[in-house]
């Protein structure tokens, strides 16, 4: 008799927990979903840390190329979070350099992680944390100051360091002077202008 009462109570408790969880999922303002466009991808995705203008544009460009993305932002009240929610980008609220947050995003099965916050040192911290969790992961690091990127490259394997400001400046200067160059590429850290033929 006591076992039957305990079983009935456990059944009622399980049903109540399930119903409460379902109602919470349907009525909450969660930024990620279980299915659909705003579900967190688990394989061949790019984790973008930072949802400023650069991060948002990167996410939309990746999605247009058919690459799944998930965004990590530390400010749920930021205006960009509202834009991303509108576009059904999966967003995880948390600190991008937190190993627990990054581990939950299946870094070992991701294509890359892109640290694109405005603060260079925060991006370095994200890159180092990601590399510690998935050693072979491709890491893209936004660093506006060339010195920070160079120092970071001496600390751990960072890959190619490309100064996008120098590349853009070369093309803008060429266009301002009436040059016929249509594109610019980085070769061994130097900007090379490509002329049309």
N, C-alpha and C. Protein backbone atom coordinates (compact mmCIF):
# COMPACT_ATOMS: atom_id res chain seq x y z
N UNK A 1 0.82 -1.20 0.00
CA UNK A 1 0.00 0.00 0.00
C UNK A 1 0.87 1.27 0.00
N UNK A 2 1.93 1.29 0.82
CA UNK A 2 2.81 2.44 0.90
C UNK A 2 3.56 2.66 -0.42
N UNK A 3 3.95 1.55 -1.07
CA UNK A 3 4.63 1.65 -2.36
C UNK A 3 3.71 2.25 -3.42
N UNK A 4 2.42 1.88 -3.37
CA UNK A 4 1.47 2.40 -4.35
C UNK A 4 1.25 3.91 -4.15
N UNK A 5 1.19 4.36 -2.92
CA UNK A 5 1.02 5.79 -2.64
C UNK A 5 2.25 6.56 -3.12
N UNK A 6 3.44 6.02 -2.85
CA UNK A 6 4.68 6.67 -3.28
C UNK A 6 4.74 6.76 -4.81
N UNK A 7 4.33 5.70 -5.49
CA UNK A 7 4.32 5.69 -6.95
C UNK A 7 3.35 6.73 -7.49
N UNK A 8 2.18 6.85 -6.89
CA UNK A 8 1.20 7.84 -7.33
C UNK A 8 1.72 9.26 -7.13
N UNK A 9 2.36 9.50 -5.99
CA UNK A 9 2.92 10.83 -5.73
C UNK A 9 4.02 11.17 -6.73
N UNK A 10 4.89 10.21 -7.03
CA UNK A 10 5.95 10.44 -8.01
C UNK A 10 5.37 10.71 -9.39
N UNK A 11 4.31 10.02 -9.76
CA UNK A 11 3.66 10.24 -11.05
C UNK A 11 3.07 11.65 -11.12
N UNK A 12 2.38 12.08 -10.05
CA UNK A 12 1.80 13.43 -10.03
C UNK A 12 2.90 14.49 -10.07
N UNK A 13 3.98 14.27 -9.33
CA UNK A 13 5.09 15.22 -9.33
C UNK A 13 5.74 15.31 -10.70
N UNK A 14 5.93 14.18 -11.36
CA UNK A 14 6.52 14.17 -12.71
C UNK A 14 5.63 14.92 -13.70
N UNK A 15 4.33 14.67 -13.62
CA UNK A 15 3.40 15.35 -14.52
C UNK A 15 3.40 16.86 -14.28
N UNK A 16 3.46 17.27 -13.01
CA UNK A 16 3.48 18.69 -12.69
C UNK A 16 4.77 19.35 -13.21
N UNK A 17 5.90 18.68 -13.03
CA UNK A 17 7.18 19.23 -13.52
C UNK A 17 7.18 19.34 -15.04
N UNK A 18 6.67 18.32 -15.71
CA UNK A 18 6.62 18.35 -17.17
C UNK A 18 5.74 19.49 -17.66
N UNK A 19 4.55 19.62 -17.06
CA UNK A 19 3.62 20.67 -17.46
C UNK A 19 4.21 22.05 -17.19
N UNK A 20 4.85 22.22 -16.03
CA UNK A 20 5.47 23.51 -15.71
C UNK A 20 6.59 23.85 -16.69
N UNK A 21 7.41 22.87 -17.03
CA UNK A 21 8.49 23.09 -17.99
C UNK A 21 7.96 23.44 -19.36
N UNK A 22 6.92 22.77 -19.79
CA UNK A 22 6.32 23.04 -21.10
C UNK A 22 5.73 24.45 -21.14
N UNK A 23 5.03 24.85 -20.11
CA UNK A 23 4.44 26.19 -20.06
C UNK A 23 5.55 27.25 -20.03
N UNK A 24 6.61 26.99 -19.26
CA UNK A 24 7.73 27.93 -19.22
C UNK A 24 8.37 28.08 -20.58
N UNK A 25 8.54 26.99 -21.29
CA UNK A 25 9.16 27.02 -22.63
C UNK A 25 8.30 27.81 -23.61
N UNK A 26 7.00 27.64 -23.53
CA UNK A 26 6.10 28.29 -24.49
C UNK A 26 5.87 29.77 -24.19
N UNK A 27 6.01 30.17 -22.93
CA UNK A 27 5.69 31.56 -22.60
C UNK A 27 6.92 32.42 -22.29
N UNK A 28 8.10 31.81 -22.21
CA UNK A 28 9.28 32.59 -21.83
C UNK A 28 9.85 33.34 -23.03
N UNK A 29 10.78 34.26 -22.73
CA UNK A 29 11.43 35.04 -23.78
C UNK A 29 12.79 34.43 -24.10
N UNK A 30 12.87 33.12 -24.12
CA UNK A 30 14.15 32.47 -24.38
C UNK A 30 14.66 32.88 -25.76
N UNK A 31 15.98 32.94 -25.85
CA UNK A 31 16.62 33.37 -27.09
C UNK A 31 17.04 32.19 -27.96
N UNK A 32 16.90 30.99 -27.45
CA UNK A 32 17.20 29.79 -28.23
C UNK A 32 15.99 28.88 -28.20
N UNK A 33 15.88 28.05 -29.19
CA UNK A 33 14.76 27.14 -29.26
C UNK A 33 15.22 25.70 -29.37
N UNK A 34 14.26 24.81 -29.33
CA UNK A 34 14.57 23.39 -29.46
C UNK A 34 14.70 22.98 -30.92
N UNK A 35 13.89 23.60 -31.78
CA UNK A 35 13.93 23.31 -33.22
C UNK A 35 13.80 24.62 -33.98
N UNK A 36 14.10 24.57 -35.27
CA UNK A 36 13.93 25.74 -36.12
C UNK A 36 15.21 26.55 -36.24
N UNK A 37 15.07 27.75 -36.81
CA UNK A 37 16.23 28.61 -37.06
C UNK A 37 16.93 29.05 -35.79
N UNK A 38 16.18 29.25 -34.69
CA UNK A 38 16.83 29.73 -33.48
C UNK A 38 17.23 28.62 -32.52
N UNK A 39 17.33 27.39 -33.01
CA UNK A 39 17.86 26.28 -32.22
C UNK A 39 19.39 26.30 -32.31
N UNK A 40 20.05 25.95 -31.22
CA UNK A 40 21.51 25.94 -31.21
C UNK A 40 22.00 24.78 -32.07
N UNK A 41 22.81 25.07 -33.10
CA UNK A 41 23.35 24.00 -33.93
C UNK A 41 24.35 23.17 -33.15
N UNK A 42 24.51 21.91 -33.52
CA UNK A 42 25.40 21.01 -32.79
C UNK A 42 26.58 20.52 -33.62
N UNK A 43 26.63 20.86 -34.91
CA UNK A 43 27.70 20.35 -35.76
C UNK A 43 27.93 21.31 -36.93
N UNK A 44 29.19 21.50 -37.31
CA UNK A 44 29.58 22.32 -38.47
C UNK A 44 29.05 23.75 -38.38
N UNK A 45 29.05 24.31 -37.21
CA UNK A 45 28.55 25.67 -36.99
C UNK A 45 29.70 26.59 -36.62
N UNK A 46 29.41 27.87 -36.60
CA UNK A 46 30.37 28.87 -36.16
C UNK A 46 29.81 29.53 -34.91
N UNK A 47 30.63 29.60 -33.87
CA UNK A 47 30.25 30.27 -32.63
C UNK A 47 30.80 31.69 -32.72
N UNK A 48 29.91 32.67 -32.68
CA UNK A 48 30.29 34.08 -32.78
C UNK A 48 30.13 34.70 -31.39
N UNK A 49 31.23 35.18 -30.83
CA UNK A 49 31.20 35.81 -29.51
C UNK A 49 31.24 37.31 -29.71
N UNK A 50 30.15 37.95 -29.37
CA UNK A 50 30.03 39.40 -29.55
C UNK A 50 28.94 39.71 -30.56
N UNK A 51 28.00 40.53 -30.15
CA UNK A 51 26.87 40.84 -31.03
C UNK A 51 26.78 42.33 -31.27
N UNK A 52 27.92 42.94 -31.52
CA UNK A 52 27.90 44.32 -31.96
C UNK A 52 27.62 44.35 -33.45
N UNK A 53 27.97 45.45 -34.08
CA UNK A 53 27.72 45.57 -35.52
C UNK A 53 28.51 44.53 -36.32
N UNK A 54 29.77 44.32 -35.94
CA UNK A 54 30.60 43.34 -36.65
C UNK A 54 30.05 41.93 -36.46
N UNK A 55 29.72 41.58 -35.23
CA UNK A 55 29.19 40.25 -34.95
C UNK A 55 27.87 39.98 -35.66
N UNK A 56 26.99 40.97 -35.65
CA UNK A 56 25.70 40.81 -36.30
C UNK A 56 25.86 40.63 -37.81
N UNK A 57 26.71 41.45 -38.42
CA UNK A 57 26.94 41.32 -39.88
C UNK A 57 27.60 39.99 -40.21
N UNK A 58 28.53 39.55 -39.37
CA UNK A 58 29.17 38.25 -39.58
C UNK A 58 28.14 37.13 -39.54
N UNK A 59 27.24 37.18 -38.57
CA UNK A 59 26.21 36.14 -38.44
C UNK A 59 25.29 36.10 -39.66
N UNK A 60 24.86 37.27 -40.11
CA UNK A 60 23.96 37.28 -41.26
C UNK A 60 24.68 36.82 -42.53
N UNK A 61 25.96 37.20 -42.68
CA UNK A 61 26.72 36.75 -43.86
C UNK A 61 26.93 35.24 -43.84
N UNK A 62 27.24 34.69 -42.67
CA UNK A 62 27.41 33.23 -42.57
C UNK A 62 26.11 32.50 -42.86
N UNK A 63 25.02 33.03 -42.32
CA UNK A 63 23.73 32.38 -42.55
C UNK A 63 23.36 32.44 -44.03
N UNK A 64 23.65 33.55 -44.72
CA UNK A 64 23.38 33.65 -46.16
C UNK A 64 24.18 32.63 -46.94
N UNK A 65 25.35 32.25 -46.42
CA UNK A 65 26.18 31.22 -47.07
C UNK A 65 25.76 29.81 -46.67
N UNK A 66 24.72 29.70 -45.85
CA UNK A 66 24.24 28.38 -45.44
C UNK A 66 24.99 27.76 -44.28
N UNK A 67 25.75 28.56 -43.56
CA UNK A 67 26.52 28.06 -42.42
C UNK A 67 25.76 28.38 -41.14
N UNK A 68 25.45 27.37 -40.33
CA UNK A 68 24.74 27.63 -39.08
C UNK A 68 25.61 28.38 -38.09
N UNK A 69 24.98 29.28 -37.33
CA UNK A 69 25.71 30.08 -36.35
C UNK A 69 24.98 30.07 -35.02
N UNK A 70 25.72 30.36 -33.97
CA UNK A 70 25.15 30.63 -32.65
C UNK A 70 25.96 31.79 -32.07
N UNK A 71 25.26 32.72 -31.43
CA UNK A 71 25.88 33.93 -30.91
C UNK A 71 25.95 33.87 -29.39
N UNK A 72 27.05 34.35 -28.85
CA UNK A 72 27.18 34.51 -27.40
C UNK A 72 27.25 36.00 -27.11
N UNK A 73 26.33 36.48 -26.28
CA UNK A 73 26.30 37.89 -25.91
C UNK A 73 26.15 37.97 -24.40
N UNK A 74 26.79 38.95 -23.80
CA UNK A 74 26.70 39.08 -22.34
C UNK A 74 25.67 40.11 -21.89
N UNK A 75 24.93 40.69 -22.83
CA UNK A 75 23.96 41.72 -22.48
C UNK A 75 22.62 41.43 -23.14
N UNK A 76 21.70 40.87 -22.37
CA UNK A 76 20.39 40.51 -22.92
C UNK A 76 19.57 41.73 -23.31
N UNK A 77 19.86 42.88 -22.72
CA UNK A 77 19.09 44.10 -22.99
C UNK A 77 19.64 44.89 -24.18
N UNK A 78 20.73 44.45 -24.79
CA UNK A 78 21.33 45.17 -25.90
C UNK A 78 20.38 45.20 -27.10
N UNK A 79 20.41 46.31 -27.82
CA UNK A 79 19.56 46.48 -29.00
C UNK A 79 19.82 45.41 -30.06
N UNK A 80 21.09 45.00 -30.20
CA UNK A 80 21.44 43.99 -31.20
C UNK A 80 20.79 42.65 -30.90
N UNK A 81 20.56 42.36 -29.62
CA UNK A 81 19.90 41.10 -29.26
C UNK A 81 18.48 41.10 -29.82
N UNK A 82 17.81 42.25 -29.77
CA UNK A 82 16.47 42.34 -30.35
C UNK A 82 16.47 42.12 -31.85
N UNK A 83 17.47 42.68 -32.54
CA UNK A 83 17.57 42.47 -33.99
C UNK A 83 17.85 40.99 -34.30
N UNK A 84 18.73 40.39 -33.53
CA UNK A 84 19.06 38.98 -33.74
C UNK A 84 17.86 38.09 -33.45
N UNK A 85 17.11 38.43 -32.42
CA UNK A 85 15.90 37.66 -32.09
C UNK A 85 14.91 37.75 -33.24
N UNK A 86 14.77 38.95 -33.81
CA UNK A 86 13.86 39.14 -34.95
C UNK A 86 14.28 38.27 -36.13
N UNK A 87 15.59 38.15 -36.34
CA UNK A 87 16.12 37.35 -37.44
C UNK A 87 16.28 35.87 -37.08
N UNK A 88 15.82 35.50 -35.91
CA UNK A 88 15.86 34.12 -35.41
C UNK A 88 17.28 33.54 -35.36
N UNK A 89 18.22 34.36 -34.93
CA UNK A 89 19.57 33.87 -34.68
C UNK A 89 19.59 33.27 -33.27
N UNK A 90 20.12 32.08 -33.10
CA UNK A 90 20.20 31.53 -31.74
C UNK A 90 21.22 32.30 -30.92
N UNK A 91 20.80 32.76 -29.74
CA UNK A 91 21.65 33.57 -28.88
C UNK A 91 21.73 32.92 -27.51
N UNK A 92 22.94 32.80 -27.00
CA UNK A 92 23.16 32.33 -25.64
C UNK A 92 23.67 33.52 -24.86
N UNK A 93 23.00 33.83 -23.75
CA UNK A 93 23.43 34.94 -22.91
C UNK A 93 24.45 34.40 -21.91
N UNK A 94 25.64 34.98 -21.95
CA UNK A 94 26.70 34.56 -21.05
C UNK A 94 28.01 35.20 -21.46
N UNK A 95 29.03 34.94 -20.68
CA UNK A 95 30.36 35.49 -20.95
C UNK A 95 31.05 34.59 -21.94
N UNK A 96 31.52 35.15 -23.05
CA UNK A 96 32.10 34.36 -24.13
C UNK A 96 33.38 33.64 -23.77
N UNK A 97 34.08 34.10 -22.76
CA UNK A 97 35.32 33.44 -22.34
C UNK A 97 35.07 32.41 -21.25
N UNK A 98 33.82 32.18 -20.88
CA UNK A 98 33.49 31.19 -19.86
C UNK A 98 33.55 29.80 -20.48
N UNK A 99 34.42 28.91 -19.97
CA UNK A 99 34.54 27.57 -20.56
C UNK A 99 33.24 26.77 -20.50
N UNK A 100 32.42 27.00 -19.47
CA UNK A 100 31.15 26.27 -19.36
C UNK A 100 30.22 26.66 -20.50
N UNK A 101 30.15 27.97 -20.79
CA UNK A 101 29.29 28.45 -21.88
C UNK A 101 29.77 27.89 -23.22
N UNK A 102 31.07 27.99 -23.47
CA UNK A 102 31.61 27.50 -24.75
C UNK A 102 31.48 25.99 -24.88
N UNK A 103 31.65 25.28 -23.80
CA UNK A 103 31.52 23.81 -23.86
C UNK A 103 30.10 23.40 -24.24
N UNK A 104 29.10 24.13 -23.73
CA UNK A 104 27.70 23.83 -24.05
C UNK A 104 27.39 24.02 -25.53
N UNK A 105 28.25 24.74 -26.25
CA UNK A 105 27.99 25.05 -27.66
C UNK A 105 28.70 24.10 -28.62
N UNK A 106 29.12 22.94 -28.13
CA UNK A 106 29.72 21.88 -28.95
C UNK A 106 30.91 22.37 -29.76
N UNK A 107 31.87 23.02 -29.09
CA UNK A 107 33.04 23.53 -29.80
C UNK A 107 33.83 22.44 -30.50
N UNK A 108 33.83 21.24 -29.93
CA UNK A 108 34.60 20.15 -30.54
C UNK A 108 34.04 19.73 -31.90
N UNK A 109 32.80 20.10 -32.20
CA UNK A 109 32.20 19.77 -33.50
C UNK A 109 31.91 21.02 -34.34
N UNK A 110 32.41 22.17 -33.90
CA UNK A 110 32.17 23.43 -34.62
C UNK A 110 33.20 23.63 -35.72
N UNK A 111 32.84 24.44 -36.71
CA UNK A 111 33.79 24.83 -37.76
C UNK A 111 34.81 25.81 -37.23
N UNK A 112 34.31 26.79 -36.45
CA UNK A 112 35.19 27.86 -35.97
C UNK A 112 34.52 28.60 -34.84
N UNK A 113 35.32 29.39 -34.15
CA UNK A 113 34.80 30.36 -33.19
C UNK A 113 35.37 31.71 -33.62
N UNK A 114 34.51 32.73 -33.61
CA UNK A 114 34.92 34.08 -33.99
C UNK A 114 34.71 35.00 -32.80
N UNK A 115 35.79 35.55 -32.28
CA UNK A 115 35.74 36.49 -31.16
C UNK A 115 35.78 37.89 -31.75
N UNK A 116 34.63 38.57 -31.79
CA UNK A 116 34.52 39.84 -32.50
C UNK A 116 33.99 40.97 -31.63
N UNK A 117 34.27 40.89 -30.33
CA UNK A 117 33.87 42.00 -29.45
C UNK A 117 34.76 43.21 -29.71
N UNK A 118 34.34 44.41 -29.34
CA UNK A 118 35.16 45.59 -29.57
C UNK A 118 36.46 45.61 -28.75
N UNK A 119 36.50 44.88 -27.65
CA UNK A 119 37.67 44.87 -26.77
C UNK A 119 38.64 43.78 -27.18
N UNK A 120 39.84 44.16 -27.60
CA UNK A 120 40.83 43.20 -28.09
C UNK A 120 41.21 42.16 -27.04
N UNK A 121 41.41 42.60 -25.81
CA UNK A 121 41.85 41.66 -24.77
C UNK A 121 40.77 40.64 -24.44
N UNK A 122 39.51 41.04 -24.49
CA UNK A 122 38.42 40.09 -24.29
C UNK A 122 38.42 39.05 -25.41
N UNK A 123 38.68 39.50 -26.63
CA UNK A 123 38.74 38.57 -27.76
C UNK A 123 39.89 37.59 -27.60
N UNK A 124 41.02 38.06 -27.09
CA UNK A 124 42.15 37.17 -26.84
C UNK A 124 41.77 36.13 -25.78
N UNK A 125 41.07 36.57 -24.75
CA UNK A 125 40.64 35.65 -23.69
C UNK A 125 39.69 34.59 -24.26
N UNK A 126 38.75 35.01 -25.10
CA UNK A 126 37.84 34.06 -25.74
C UNK A 126 38.61 33.06 -26.59
N UNK A 127 39.57 33.57 -27.37
CA UNK A 127 40.35 32.70 -28.26
C UNK A 127 41.16 31.68 -27.46
N UNK A 128 41.77 32.12 -26.38
CA UNK A 128 42.57 31.20 -25.57
C UNK A 128 41.69 30.15 -24.89
N UNK A 129 40.52 30.55 -24.42
CA UNK A 129 39.60 29.60 -23.80
C UNK A 129 39.11 28.58 -24.83
N UNK A 130 38.73 29.06 -26.00
CA UNK A 130 38.26 28.16 -27.06
C UNK A 130 39.35 27.18 -27.47
N UNK A 131 40.57 27.67 -27.61
CA UNK A 131 41.68 26.81 -28.01
C UNK A 131 41.97 25.76 -26.93
N UNK A 132 41.76 26.12 -25.65
CA UNK A 132 41.99 25.15 -24.58
C UNK A 132 40.93 24.05 -24.58
N UNK A 133 39.74 24.36 -25.07
CA UNK A 133 38.66 23.36 -25.11
C UNK A 133 38.71 22.51 -26.36
N UNK A 134 39.16 23.07 -27.48
CA UNK A 134 39.22 22.35 -28.76
C UNK A 134 40.49 22.82 -29.48
N UNK A 135 41.55 22.06 -29.30
CA UNK A 135 42.88 22.48 -29.75
C UNK A 135 42.97 22.71 -31.26
N UNK A 136 42.23 21.95 -32.06
CA UNK A 136 42.31 22.07 -33.52
C UNK A 136 41.27 23.02 -34.11
N UNK A 137 40.51 23.66 -33.25
CA UNK A 137 39.44 24.55 -33.71
C UNK A 137 40.02 25.78 -34.40
N UNK A 138 39.42 26.18 -35.50
CA UNK A 138 39.81 27.42 -36.19
C UNK A 138 39.29 28.59 -35.36
N UNK A 139 40.19 29.51 -35.03
CA UNK A 139 39.84 30.67 -34.21
C UNK A 139 40.06 31.93 -35.03
N UNK A 140 39.02 32.75 -35.13
CA UNK A 140 39.11 34.04 -35.81
C UNK A 140 39.02 35.10 -34.72
N UNK A 141 39.99 35.99 -34.73
CA UNK A 141 40.13 36.94 -33.64
C UNK A 141 40.12 38.36 -34.19
N UNK A 142 39.21 39.18 -33.69
CA UNK A 142 39.19 40.60 -34.08
C UNK A 142 40.13 41.35 -33.14
N UNK A 143 41.14 41.96 -33.73
CA UNK A 143 42.09 42.74 -32.94
C UNK A 143 42.39 44.02 -33.70
N UNK A 144 41.88 45.13 -33.21
CA UNK A 144 42.09 46.41 -33.88
C UNK A 144 43.50 46.93 -33.74
N UNK A 145 44.17 46.54 -32.68
CA UNK A 145 45.54 46.98 -32.44
C UNK A 145 46.49 45.88 -32.87
N UNK A 146 47.35 46.17 -33.84
CA UNK A 146 48.28 45.17 -34.35
C UNK A 146 49.20 44.62 -33.29
N UNK A 147 49.55 45.43 -32.28
CA UNK A 147 50.43 44.96 -31.23
C UNK A 147 49.79 43.85 -30.42
N UNK A 148 48.51 43.97 -30.12
CA UNK A 148 47.82 42.92 -29.36
C UNK A 148 47.83 41.62 -30.15
N UNK A 149 47.56 41.68 -31.44
CA UNK A 149 47.56 40.47 -32.26
C UNK A 149 48.95 39.85 -32.33
N UNK A 150 49.97 40.67 -32.47
CA UNK A 150 51.34 40.15 -32.54
C UNK A 150 51.74 39.49 -31.22
N UNK A 151 51.43 40.14 -30.10
CA UNK A 151 51.76 39.56 -28.80
C UNK A 151 51.00 38.27 -28.58
N UNK A 152 49.74 38.24 -28.99
CA UNK A 152 48.93 37.04 -28.85
C UNK A 152 49.51 35.91 -29.69
N UNK A 153 49.94 36.22 -30.89
CA UNK A 153 50.54 35.22 -31.76
C UNK A 153 51.79 34.62 -31.16
N UNK A 154 52.52 35.38 -30.35
CA UNK A 154 53.71 34.84 -29.72
C UNK A 154 53.36 33.95 -28.53
N UNK A 155 52.15 34.11 -27.96
CA UNK A 155 51.76 33.30 -26.81
C UNK A 155 51.21 31.94 -27.20
N UNK A 156 50.43 31.87 -28.26
CA UNK A 156 49.88 30.59 -28.70
C UNK A 156 49.64 30.63 -30.19
N UNK A 157 49.48 29.43 -30.76
CA UNK A 157 49.30 29.31 -32.20
C UNK A 157 48.01 30.00 -32.62
N UNK A 158 48.14 31.10 -33.32
CA UNK A 158 46.96 31.89 -33.69
C UNK A 158 46.65 31.81 -35.17
N UNK A 159 47.61 31.36 -35.96
CA UNK A 159 47.38 31.29 -37.40
C UNK A 159 47.86 32.56 -38.07
N UNK A 160 47.19 32.96 -39.13
CA UNK A 160 47.59 34.15 -39.89
C UNK A 160 47.04 35.40 -39.24
N UNK A 161 47.88 36.40 -39.11
CA UNK A 161 47.45 37.69 -38.60
C UNK A 161 47.36 38.63 -39.79
N UNK A 162 46.18 39.16 -40.03
CA UNK A 162 45.96 40.04 -41.18
C UNK A 162 45.44 41.37 -40.65
N UNK A 163 46.10 42.43 -41.01
CA UNK A 163 45.70 43.76 -40.58
C UNK A 163 44.67 44.29 -41.59
N UNK A 164 43.40 44.17 -41.25
CA UNK A 164 42.34 44.58 -42.18
C UNK A 164 42.33 46.08 -42.39
N UNK A 165 42.79 46.83 -41.41
CA UNK A 165 42.84 48.29 -41.57
C UNK A 165 43.85 48.67 -42.65
N UNK A 166 45.00 48.01 -42.66
CA UNK A 166 46.01 48.29 -43.68
C UNK A 166 45.50 47.89 -45.06
N UNK A 167 44.81 46.76 -45.13
CA UNK A 167 44.28 46.30 -46.41
C UNK A 167 43.25 47.29 -46.95
N UNK A 168 42.32 47.68 -46.10
CA UNK A 168 41.28 48.63 -46.53
C UNK A 168 41.90 49.97 -46.90
N UNK A 169 42.88 50.41 -46.13
CA UNK A 169 43.51 51.71 -46.40
C UNK A 169 44.19 51.71 -47.77
N UNK A 170 44.83 50.60 -48.13
CA UNK A 170 45.50 50.54 -49.43
C UNK A 170 44.50 50.69 -50.57
N UNK A 171 43.37 50.01 -50.47
CA UNK A 171 42.36 50.10 -51.53
C UNK A 171 41.71 51.48 -51.57
N UNK A 172 41.41 52.04 -50.41
CA UNK A 172 40.79 53.37 -50.36
C UNK A 172 41.75 54.42 -50.93
N UNK A 173 43.03 54.31 -50.57
CA UNK A 173 44.01 55.28 -51.10
C UNK A 173 44.14 55.16 -52.61
N UNK A 174 44.13 53.93 -53.11
CA UNK A 174 44.22 53.73 -54.56
C UNK A 174 43.02 54.33 -55.27
N UNK A 175 41.85 54.10 -54.74
CA UNK A 175 40.64 54.65 -55.36
C UNK A 175 40.62 56.17 -55.30
N UNK A 176 41.08 56.72 -54.17
CA UNK A 176 41.10 58.18 -54.02
C UNK A 176 42.05 58.84 -55.02
N UNK A 177 43.12 58.11 -55.37
CA UNK A 177 44.10 58.65 -56.32
C UNK A 177 43.76 58.30 -57.76
N UNK A 178 42.61 57.68 -57.99
CA UNK A 178 42.17 57.39 -59.34
C UNK A 178 42.72 56.10 -59.92
N UNK A 179 43.21 55.22 -59.08
CA UNK A 179 43.76 53.95 -59.55
C UNK A 179 42.65 53.03 -60.04
N UNK A 180 43.02 52.06 -60.88
CA UNK A 180 42.05 51.14 -61.45
C UNK A 180 41.94 49.83 -60.69
N UNK A 181 42.51 49.76 -59.50
CA UNK A 181 42.46 48.51 -58.75
C UNK A 181 41.04 48.23 -58.27
N UNK A 182 40.68 46.95 -58.35
CA UNK A 182 39.32 46.54 -57.97
C UNK A 182 39.28 45.78 -56.66
N UNK A 183 40.42 45.25 -56.22
CA UNK A 183 40.42 44.45 -55.01
C UNK A 183 41.80 44.52 -54.37
N UNK A 184 41.86 44.06 -53.15
CA UNK A 184 43.12 44.00 -52.42
C UNK A 184 43.16 42.69 -51.66
N UNK A 185 44.32 42.07 -51.59
CA UNK A 185 44.49 40.83 -50.83
C UNK A 185 45.70 40.98 -49.92
N UNK A 186 45.76 40.12 -48.91
CA UNK A 186 46.90 40.12 -48.00
C UNK A 186 47.80 38.95 -48.36
N UNK A 187 49.07 39.24 -48.61
CA UNK A 187 50.06 38.21 -48.91
C UNK A 187 51.23 38.42 -47.97
N UNK A 188 51.46 37.45 -47.09
CA UNK A 188 52.55 37.54 -46.11
C UNK A 188 52.50 38.83 -45.31
N UNK A 189 51.30 39.22 -44.91
CA UNK A 189 51.13 40.40 -44.07
C UNK A 189 51.15 41.72 -44.81
N UNK A 190 51.35 41.69 -46.11
CA UNK A 190 51.37 42.91 -46.91
C UNK A 190 50.13 43.01 -47.78
N UNK A 191 49.63 44.23 -47.99
CA UNK A 191 48.46 44.44 -48.83
C UNK A 191 48.91 44.54 -50.29
N UNK A 192 48.28 43.74 -51.17
CA UNK A 192 48.59 43.76 -52.58
C UNK A 192 47.32 44.15 -53.35
N UNK A 193 47.44 45.19 -54.17
CA UNK A 193 46.30 45.65 -54.95
C UNK A 193 46.18 44.84 -56.23
N UNK A 194 44.94 44.51 -56.61
CA UNK A 194 44.68 43.75 -57.83
C UNK A 194 44.01 44.65 -58.84
N UNK A 195 44.65 44.83 -59.98
CA UNK A 195 44.10 45.68 -61.04
C UNK A 195 43.26 44.83 -61.98
N UNK A 196 42.25 45.45 -62.57
CA UNK A 196 41.43 44.75 -63.58
C UNK A 196 42.19 44.73 -64.91
N UNK A 197 41.99 43.68 -65.67
CA UNK A 197 42.68 43.58 -66.96
C UNK A 197 41.69 43.68 -68.09
